[in-house]
């Protein structure tokens, strides 16, 4: 990467962090209560190094092979790796063995495989249950009405620690409509906590709806291009 590209990532990170702080202040959130997850899919290792130099340590990857290559290249760095892509049952081992977090569990079969395949010497795999709050057929995630039973089953599995809920709602531009979707996830999490689950994470909000997510209690926002700029073209 050029010096200019590295400087631009530093500038974007500063801008994103300020945006998060402004949203926390505007909506009565405690300063520092919202974590930035830098989505690094299709970004080069050098871009991650540039973000690391600015104090960013949590990175989200969508693709297993790409994520494995980056973890190998950055072995020894203080990085918290999050898997945030669609997860098929025949690919759970790579996540169980290589990642610290997974945000996209929506089936008991997937959760069981992750638990079984998590190395015994590793810390429990931190995980979120993905909920389809907008009911879009094209989106993954369990239906809200089915989430409580599934959450209880996941919480009972060894080698996993259910931390909270994740959603990727329908893309809308109206602020109040954005809040409505995130409010559904917050309400569901409150219900699960009342039922006895120790949950502290709401993984929700991206570049176009960060403020609405923070307003409704997000603890982790997932931002990619806002941090790294446009993604390189996908290789054929």
C-alpha atoms as a PDB file:
ATOM      1  CA  UNK A   1       0.000   0.000   0.000  1.00  0.00           C
ATOM      2  CA  UNK A   2       1.113   3.536  -0.609  1.00  0.00           C
ATOM      3  CA  UNK A   3       1.691   6.017   2.183  1.00  0.00           C
ATOM      4  CA  UNK A   4      -1.347   7.917   0.948  1.00  0.00           C
ATOM      5  CA  UNK A   5      -3.576   4.824   1.156  1.00  0.00           C
ATOM      6  CA  UNK A   6      -2.363   4.090   4.664  1.00  0.00           C
ATOM      7  CA  UNK A   7      -3.041   7.655   5.724  1.00  0.00           C
ATOM      8  CA  UNK A   8      -6.522   7.468   4.242  1.00  0.00           C
ATOM      9  CA  UNK A   9      -7.369   4.415   6.342  1.00  0.00           C
ATOM     10  CA  UNK A  10      -6.165   6.254   9.435  1.00  0.00           C
ATOM     11  CA  UNK A  11      -8.356   9.207   8.499  1.00  0.00           C
ATOM     12  CA  UNK A  12     -11.406   7.026   7.864  1.00  0.00           C
ATOM     13  CA  UNK A  13     -10.942   5.253  11.181  1.00  0.00           C
ATOM     14  CA  UNK A  14     -10.791   8.567  13.000  1.00  0.00           C
ATOM     15  CA  UNK A  15     -13.955   9.715  11.218  1.00  0.00           C
ATOM     16  CA  UNK A  16     -15.818   6.485  11.995  1.00  0.00           C
ATOM     17  CA  UNK A  17     -14.802   6.572  15.642  1.00  0.00           C
ATOM     18  CA  UNK A  18     -16.016  10.146  15.907  1.00  0.00           C
ATOM     19  CA  UNK A  19     -19.282   9.183  14.261  1.00  0.00           C
ATOM     20  CA  UNK A  20     -19.772   6.422  16.827  1.00  0.00           C
ATOM     21  CA  UNK A  21     -18.961   8.804  19.696  1.00  0.00           C
ATOM     22  CA  UNK A  22     -21.409  11.372  18.329  1.00  0.00           C
ATOM     23  CA  UNK A  23     -24.146   8.728  18.101  1.00  0.00           C
ATOM     24  CA  UNK A  24     -23.448   7.550  21.648  1.00  0.00           C
ATOM     25  CA  UNK A  25     -23.739  11.107  22.923  1.00  0.00           C
ATOM     26  CA  UNK A  26     -26.854  11.896  20.881  1.00  0.00           C
ATOM     27  CA  UNK A  27     -28.748   8.858  22.153  1.00  0.00           C
ATOM     28  CA  UNK A  28     -27.694   8.789  25.779  1.00  0.00           C
ATOM     29  CA  UNK A  29     -25.253   5.921  25.455  1.00  0.00           C
ATOM     30  CA  UNK A  30     -22.174   5.614  27.621  1.00  0.00           C
ATOM     31  CA  UNK A  31     -19.002   6.672  25.854  1.00  0.00           C
ATOM     32  CA  UNK A  32     -17.147   3.627  24.570  1.00  0.00           C
ATOM     33  CA  UNK A  33     -20.146   1.308  24.849  1.00  0.00           C
ATOM     34  CA  UNK A  34     -20.229   0.615  21.110  1.00  0.00           C
ATOM     35  CA  UNK A  35     -17.409  -1.461  19.616  1.00  0.00           C
ATOM     36  CA  UNK A  36     -16.274  -1.050  16.017  1.00  0.00           C
ATOM     37  CA  UNK A  37     -15.911  -4.274  14.043  1.00  0.00           C
ATOM     38  CA  UNK A  38     -13.880  -3.476  10.915  1.00  0.00           C
ATOM     39  CA  UNK A  39     -15.166  -5.629   8.059  1.00  0.00           C
ATOM     40  CA  UNK A  40     -12.063  -6.517   6.081  1.00  0.00           C
ATOM     41  CA  UNK A  41     -13.451  -8.865   3.434  1.00  0.00           C
ATOM     42  CA  UNK A  42     -11.678  -8.529   0.080  1.00  0.00           C
ATOM     43  CA  UNK A  43      -9.261  -6.046   1.613  1.00  0.00           C
ATOM     44  CA  UNK A  44      -5.514  -6.780   1.448  1.00  0.00           C
ATOM     45  CA  UNK A  45      -3.469  -7.753   4.473  1.00  0.00           C
ATOM     46  CA  UNK A  46      -1.688  -4.393   4.232  1.00  0.00           C
ATOM     47  CA  UNK A  47      -4.988  -2.605   4.845  1.00  0.00           C
ATOM     48  CA  UNK A  48      -5.515  -4.600   8.034  1.00  0.00           C
ATOM     49  CA  UNK A  49      -1.976  -3.754   9.124  1.00  0.00           C
ATOM     50  CA  UNK A  50      -2.733  -0.074   8.559  1.00  0.00           C
ATOM     51  CA  UNK A  51      -5.829  -0.329  10.744  1.00  0.00           C
ATOM     52  CA  UNK A  52      -3.881  -2.243  13.391  1.00  0.00           C
ATOM     53  CA  UNK A  53      -1.388   0.593  13.534  1.00  0.00           C
ATOM     54  CA  UNK A  54      -4.293   2.880  14.461  1.00  0.00           C
ATOM     55  CA  UNK A  55      -5.410   0.660  17.331  1.00  0.00           C
ATOM     56  CA  UNK A  56      -8.135  -1.361  15.581  1.00  0.00           C
ATOM     57  CA  UNK A  57      -8.009  -4.997  16.697  1.00  0.00           C
ATOM     58  CA  UNK A  58     -11.407  -6.545  15.857  1.00  0.00           C
ATOM     59  CA  UNK A  59     -11.877  -7.581  12.227  1.00  0.00           C
ATOM     60  CA  UNK A  60     -14.755  -9.334  10.480  1.00  0.00           C
ATOM     61  CA  UNK A  61     -14.345 -11.766   7.597  1.00  0.00           C
ATOM     62  CA  UNK A  62     -17.048 -13.263   5.367  1.00  0.00           C
ATOM     63  CA  UNK A  63     -15.111 -15.900   3.440  1.00  0.00           C
ATOM     64  CA  UNK A  64     -13.337 -18.839   5.046  1.00  0.00           C
ATOM     65  CA  UNK A  65     -10.413 -19.277   2.655  1.00  0.00           C
ATOM     66  CA  UNK A  66      -9.681 -15.567   2.560  1.00  0.00           C
ATOM     67  CA  UNK A  67      -9.928 -15.377   6.320  1.00  0.00           C
ATOM     68  CA  UNK A  68      -7.551 -18.308   6.760  1.00  0.00           C
ATOM     69  CA  UNK A  69      -4.959 -16.688   4.500  1.00  0.00           C
ATOM     70  CA  UNK A  70      -5.148 -13.432   6.433  1.00  0.00           C
ATOM     71  CA  UNK A  71      -4.909 -15.142   9.814  1.00  0.00           C
ATOM     72  CA  UNK A  72      -1.785 -16.955   8.631  1.00  0.00           C
ATOM     73  CA  UNK A  73      -0.227 -13.768   7.294  1.00  0.00           C
ATOM     74  CA  UNK A  74      -0.992 -11.918  10.528  1.00  0.00           C
ATOM     75  CA  UNK A  75      -0.163 -14.692  12.980  1.00  0.00           C
ATOM     76  CA  UNK A  76       1.179 -13.226  16.184  1.00  0.00           C
ATOM     77  CA  UNK A  77      -0.733  -9.971  15.872  1.00  0.00           C
ATOM     78  CA  UNK A  78      -3.224  -9.081  18.590  1.00  0.00           C
ATOM     79  CA  UNK A  79      -6.313  -9.564  16.440  1.00  0.00           C
ATOM     80  CA  UNK A  80      -9.815 -10.676  17.420  1.00  0.00           C
ATOM     81  CA  UNK A  81     -11.211 -12.490  14.374  1.00  0.00           C
ATOM     82  CA  UNK A  82     -14.978 -12.474  13.779  1.00  0.00           C
ATOM     83  CA  UNK A  83     -16.716 -14.637  11.186  1.00  0.00           C
ATOM     84  CA  UNK A  84     -19.718 -12.751   9.830  1.00  0.00           C
ATOM     85  CA  UNK A  85     -20.530 -14.625   6.622  1.00  0.00           C
ATOM     86  CA  UNK A  86     -23.039 -17.319   5.752  1.00  0.00           C
ATOM     87  CA  UNK A  87     -22.020 -20.593   7.358  1.00  0.00           C
ATOM     88  CA  UNK A  88     -22.699 -24.004   5.859  1.00  0.00           C
ATOM     89  CA  UNK A  89     -22.538 -27.126   7.977  1.00  0.00           C
ATOM     90  CA  UNK A  90     -19.675 -28.613   5.955  1.00  0.00           C
ATOM     91  CA  UNK A  91     -17.488 -25.566   6.669  1.00  0.00           C
ATOM     92  CA  UNK A  92     -17.941 -25.167  10.391  1.00  0.00           C
ATOM     93  CA  UNK A  93     -14.583 -26.686  11.331  1.00  0.00           C
ATOM     94  CA  UNK A  94     -12.606 -23.796   9.852  1.00  0.00           C
ATOM     95  CA  UNK A  95     -14.619 -21.331  11.932  1.00  0.00           C
ATOM     96  CA  UNK A  96     -14.480 -23.454  15.082  1.00  0.00           C
ATOM     97  CA  UNK A  97     -10.714 -23.791  14.830  1.00  0.00           C
ATOM     98  CA  UNK A  98      -9.702 -20.367  13.584  1.00  0.00           C
ATOM     99  CA  UNK A  99     -12.055 -17.633  14.753  1.00  0.00           C
ATOM    100  CA  UNK A 100     -12.780 -15.997  18.093  1.00  0.00           C
ATOM    101  CA  UNK A 101     -16.364 -15.014  17.270  1.00  0.00           C
ATOM    102  CA  UNK A 102     -19.114 -16.124  14.898  1.00  0.00           C
ATOM    103  CA  UNK A 103     -22.139 -13.888  14.330  1.00  0.00           C
ATOM    104  CA  UNK A 104     -24.206 -15.986  11.944  1.00  0.00           C
ATOM    105  CA  UNK A 105     -25.568 -19.015  13.804  1.00  0.00           C
ATOM    106  CA  UNK A 106     -29.193 -19.610  12.859  1.00  0.00           C
ATOM    107  CA  UNK A 107     -29.569 -23.393  13.136  1.00  0.00           C
ATOM    108  CA  UNK A 108     -28.986 -25.861  15.946  1.00  0.00           C
ATOM    109  CA  UNK A 109     -27.077 -28.178  13.589  1.00  0.00           C
ATOM    110  CA  UNK A 110     -24.522 -25.438  12.910  1.00  0.00           C
ATOM    111  CA  UNK A 111     -24.159 -24.642  16.607  1.00  0.00           C
ATOM    112  CA  UNK A 112     -23.668 -28.299  17.539  1.00  0.00           C
ATOM    113  CA  UNK A 113     -20.966 -28.762  14.919  1.00  0.00           C
ATOM    114  CA  UNK A 114     -19.150 -25.636  16.060  1.00  0.00           C
ATOM    115  CA  UNK A 115     -19.254 -26.852  19.647  1.00  0.00           C
ATOM    116  CA  UNK A 116     -18.005 -30.324  18.733  1.00  0.00           C
ATOM    117  CA  UNK A 117     -15.215 -28.976  16.528  1.00  0.00           C
ATOM    118  CA  UNK A 118     -13.933 -26.237  18.837  1.00  0.00           C
ATOM    119  CA  UNK A 119     -10.441 -27.277  20.013  1.00  0.00           C
ATOM    120  CA  UNK A 120     -10.440 -28.309  23.661  1.00  0.00           C
ATOM    121  CA  UNK A 121      -7.485 -26.044  24.440  1.00  0.00           C
ATOM    122  CA  UNK A 122      -9.180 -22.974  22.975  1.00  0.00           C
ATOM    123  CA  UNK A 123     -11.406 -20.542  24.811  1.00  0.00           C
ATOM    124  CA  UNK A 124     -15.130 -20.965  24.154  1.00  0.00           C
ATOM    125  CA  UNK A 125     -16.210 -19.686  20.739  1.00  0.00           C
ATOM    126  CA  UNK A 126     -18.082 -16.418  21.283  1.00  0.00           C
ATOM    127  CA  UNK A 127     -21.249 -16.405  19.226  1.00  0.00           C
ATOM    128  CA  UNK A 128     -24.355 -14.507  18.231  1.00  0.00           C
ATOM    129  CA  UNK A 129     -27.678 -15.856  17.058  1.00  0.00           C
ATOM    130  CA  UNK A 130     -28.632 -14.288  13.729  1.00  0.00           C
ATOM    131  CA  UNK A 131     -32.261 -13.132  13.634  1.00  0.00           C
ATOM    132  CA  UNK A 132     -34.147 -12.143  10.483  1.00  0.00           C
ATOM    133  CA  UNK A 133     -36.106  -9.227  11.924  1.00  0.00           C
ATOM    134  CA  UNK A 134     -37.379  -8.025   8.528  1.00  0.00           C
ATOM    135  CA  UNK A 135     -38.640 -11.387   7.303  1.00  0.00           C
ATOM    136  CA  UNK A 136     -36.824 -11.128   3.977  1.00  0.00           C
ATOM    137  CA  UNK A 137     -36.699 -14.442   2.120  1.00  0.00           C
ATOM    138  CA  UNK A 138     -33.259 -13.561   0.767  1.00  0.00           C
ATOM    139  CA  UNK A 139     -31.763 -13.069   4.216  1.00  0.00           C
ATOM    140  CA  UNK A 140     -30.432 -15.696   6.596  1.00  0.00           C
ATOM    141  CA  UNK A 141     -31.448 -15.776  10.226  1.00  0.00           C
ATOM    142  CA  UNK A 142     -33.967 -17.457  12.457  1.00  0.00           C
ATOM    143  CA  UNK A 143     -37.485 -16.035  12.672  1.00  0.00           C
ATOM    144  CA  UNK A 144     -37.963 -13.926  15.825  1.00  0.00           C
ATOM    145  CA  UNK A 145     -40.628 -16.263  17.151  1.00  0.00           C
ATOM    146  CA  UNK A 146     -38.272 -19.238  16.947  1.00  0.00           C
ATOM    147  CA  UNK A 147     -35.287 -17.439  18.415  1.00  0.00           C
ATOM    148  CA  UNK A 148     -35.951 -17.995  22.151  1.00  0.00           C
ATOM    149  CA  UNK A 149     -36.052 -21.793  21.917  1.00  0.00           C
ATOM    150  CA  UNK A 150     -32.971 -21.905  19.701  1.00  0.00           C
ATOM    151  CA  UNK A 151     -31.075 -19.500  21.956  1.00  0.00           C
ATOM    152  CA  UNK A 152     -31.723 -21.718  24.961  1.00  0.00           C
ATOM    153  CA  UNK A 153     -30.437 -24.759  23.091  1.00  0.00           C
ATOM    154  CA  UNK A 154     -27.287 -22.967  21.950  1.00  0.00           C
ATOM    155  CA  UNK A 155     -26.602 -21.645  25.443  1.00  0.00           C
ATOM    156  CA  UNK A 156     -26.519 -25.236  26.743  1.00  0.00           C
ATOM    157  CA  UNK A 157     -23.783 -26.352  24.338  1.00  0.00           C
ATOM    158  CA  UNK A 158     -20.237 -26.765  25.641  1.00  0.00           C
ATOM    159  CA  UNK A 159     -17.380 -24.878  23.956  1.00  0.00           C
ATOM    160  CA  UNK A 160     -19.701 -22.054  22.861  1.00  0.00           C
ATOM    161  CA  UNK A 161     -20.628 -18.888  24.708  1.00  0.00           C
ATOM    162  CA  UNK A 162     -23.791 -17.259  23.441  1.00  0.00           C
ATOM    163  CA  UNK A 163     -23.153 -13.535  23.756  1.00  0.00           C
ATOM    164  CA  UNK A 164     -26.162 -12.033  22.030  1.00  0.00           C
ATOM    165  CA  UNK A 165     -28.014 -11.415  18.795  1.00  0.00           C
ATOM    166  CA  UNK A 166     -27.118 -10.212  15.308  1.00  0.00           C
ATOM    167  CA  UNK A 167     -29.268  -8.916  12.489  1.00  0.00           C
ATOM    168  CA  UNK A 168     -28.980  -7.602   8.957  1.00  0.00           C
ATOM    169  CA  UNK A 169     -32.324  -5.849   8.404  1.00  0.00           C
ATOM    170  CA  UNK A 170     -33.907  -4.662   5.211  1.00  0.00           C
ATOM    171  CA  UNK A 171     -32.069  -1.680   3.766  1.00  0.00           C
ATOM    172  CA  UNK A 172     -34.195   1.424   4.261  1.00  0.00           C
ATOM    173  CA  UNK A 173     -33.199   5.076   4.413  1.00  0.00           C
ATOM    174  CA  UNK A 174     -35.787   6.459   6.837  1.00  0.00           C
ATOM    175  CA  UNK A 175     -34.265   6.813  10.311  1.00  0.00           C
ATOM    176  CA  UNK A 176     -37.382   5.796  12.233  1.00  0.00           C
ATOM    177  CA  UNK A 177     -37.885   2.727  10.021  1.00  0.00           C
ATOM    178  CA  UNK A 178     -34.288   1.758  10.679  1.00  0.00           C
ATOM    179  CA  UNK A 179     -34.874   2.131  14.399  1.00  0.00           C
ATOM    180  CA  UNK A 180     -38.010  -0.012  14.231  1.00  0.00           C
ATOM    181  CA  UNK A 181     -36.027  -2.958  12.877  1.00  0.00           C
ATOM    182  CA  UNK A 182     -33.281  -2.660  15.461  1.00  0.00           C
ATOM    183  CA  UNK A 183     -35.828  -2.193  18.241  1.00  0.00           C
ATOM    184  CA  UNK A 184     -37.197  -5.650  17.451  1.00  0.00           C
ATOM    185  CA  UNK A 185     -33.790  -7.176  18.112  1.00  0.00           C
ATOM    186  CA  UNK A 186     -33.291  -5.191  21.310  1.00  0.00           C
ATOM    187  CA  UNK A 187     -36.715  -6.235  22.595  1.00  0.00           C
ATOM    188  CA  UNK A 188     -35.999  -9.870  21.786  1.00  0.00           C
ATOM    189  CA  UNK A 189     -32.690  -9.740  23.635  1.00  0.00           C
ATOM    190  CA  UNK A 190     -34.370  -8.185  26.665  1.00  0.00           C
ATOM    191  CA  UNK A 191     -36.858 -11.057  26.640  1.00  0.00           C
ATOM    192  CA  UNK A 192     -34.052 -13.626  26.541  1.00  0.00           C
ATOM    193  CA  UNK A 193     -32.229 -11.898  29.403  1.00  0.00           C
ATOM    194  CA  UNK A 194     -35.441 -11.940  31.430  1.00  0.00           C
ATOM    195  CA  UNK A 195     -35.647 -15.676  30.714  1.00  0.00           C
ATOM    196  CA  UNK A 196     -32.247 -16.154  32.301  1.00  0.00           C
ATOM    197  CA  UNK A 197     -29.672 -15.869  29.508  1.00  0.00           C
ATOM    198  CA  UNK A 198     -26.593 -13.717  30.180  1.00  0.00           C
ATOM    199  CA  UNK A 199     -26.419 -11.763  26.922  1.00  0.00           C
ATOM    200  CA  UNK A 200     -24.447  -8.556  26.450  1.00  0.00           C
ATOM    201  CA  UNK A 201     -24.080  -8.167  22.675  1.00  0.00           C
ATOM    202  CA  UNK A 202     -26.253  -6.635  19.959  1.00  0.00           C
ATOM    203  CA  UNK A 203     -24.348  -6.896  16.669  1.00  0.00           C
ATOM    204  CA  UNK A 204     -26.257  -4.529  14.419  1.00  0.00           C
ATOM    205  CA  UNK A 205     -25.679  -1.467  12.318  1.00  0.00           C
ATOM    206  CA  UNK A 206     -23.536  -0.756   9.273  1.00  0.00           C
ATOM    207  CA  UNK A 207     -22.438   2.341   7.384  1.00  0.00           C
ATOM    208  CA  UNK A 208     -25.917   3.476   6.317  1.00  0.00           C
ATOM    209  CA  UNK A 209     -27.753   2.862   9.605  1.00  0.00           C
ATOM    210  CA  UNK A 210     -25.127   3.116  12.336  1.00  0.00           C
ATOM    211  CA  UNK A 211     -26.888   5.936  14.194  1.00  0.00           C
ATOM    212  CA  UNK A 212     -30.218   4.111  14.315  1.00  0.00           C
ATOM    213  CA  UNK A 213     -28.507   0.987  15.609  1.00  0.00           C
ATOM    214  CA  UNK A 214     -26.710   2.894  18.358  1.00  0.00           C
ATOM    215  CA  UNK A 215     -29.990   4.571  19.299  1.00  0.00           C
ATOM    216  CA  UNK A 216     -31.523   1.126  19.845  1.00  0.00           C
ATOM    217  CA  UNK A 217     -28.698  -0.337  21.893  1.00  0.00           C
ATOM    218  CA  UNK A 218     -26.114  -1.745  19.479  1.00  0.00           C
ATOM    219  CA  UNK A 219     -22.933  -2.823  21.234  1.00  0.00           C
ATOM    220  CA  UNK A 220     -21.079  -3.732  18.032  1.00  0.00           C
ATOM    221  CA  UNK A 221     -21.373  -2.080  14.615  1.00  0.00           C
ATOM    222  CA  UNK A 222     -19.958  -3.704  11.485  1.00  0.00           C
ATOM    223  CA  UNK A 223     -18.324  -1.246   9.080  1.00  0.00           C
ATOM    224  CA  UNK A 224     -16.281  -2.049   5.986  1.00  0.00           C
ATOM    225  CA  UNK A 225     -16.014   0.566   3.258  1.00  0.00           C
ATOM    226  CA  UNK A 226     -16.356   3.358   5.830  1.00  0.00           C
ATOM    227  CA  UNK A 227     -13.041   2.141   7.257  1.00  0.00           C
ATOM    228  CA  UNK A 228     -11.152   0.782   4.264  1.00  0.00           C
ATOM    229  CA  UNK A 229     -12.748   2.509   1.292  1.00  0.00           C
ATOM    230  CA  UNK A 230     -14.173   0.688  -1.748  1.00  0.00           C
ATOM    231  CA  UNK A 231     -13.487  -3.037  -1.869  1.00  0.00           C
ATOM    232  CA  UNK A 232     -11.203  -4.319  -4.629  1.00  0.00           C
ATOM    233  CA  UNK A 233     -12.977  -6.134  -7.437  1.00  0.00           C
ATOM    234  CA  UNK A 234     -13.719  -9.753  -6.620  1.00  0.00           C
ATOM    235  CA  UNK A 235     -11.315 -12.109  -8.341  1.00  0.00           C
ATOM    236  CA  UNK A 236     -12.915 -14.418 -10.904  1.00  0.00           C
END
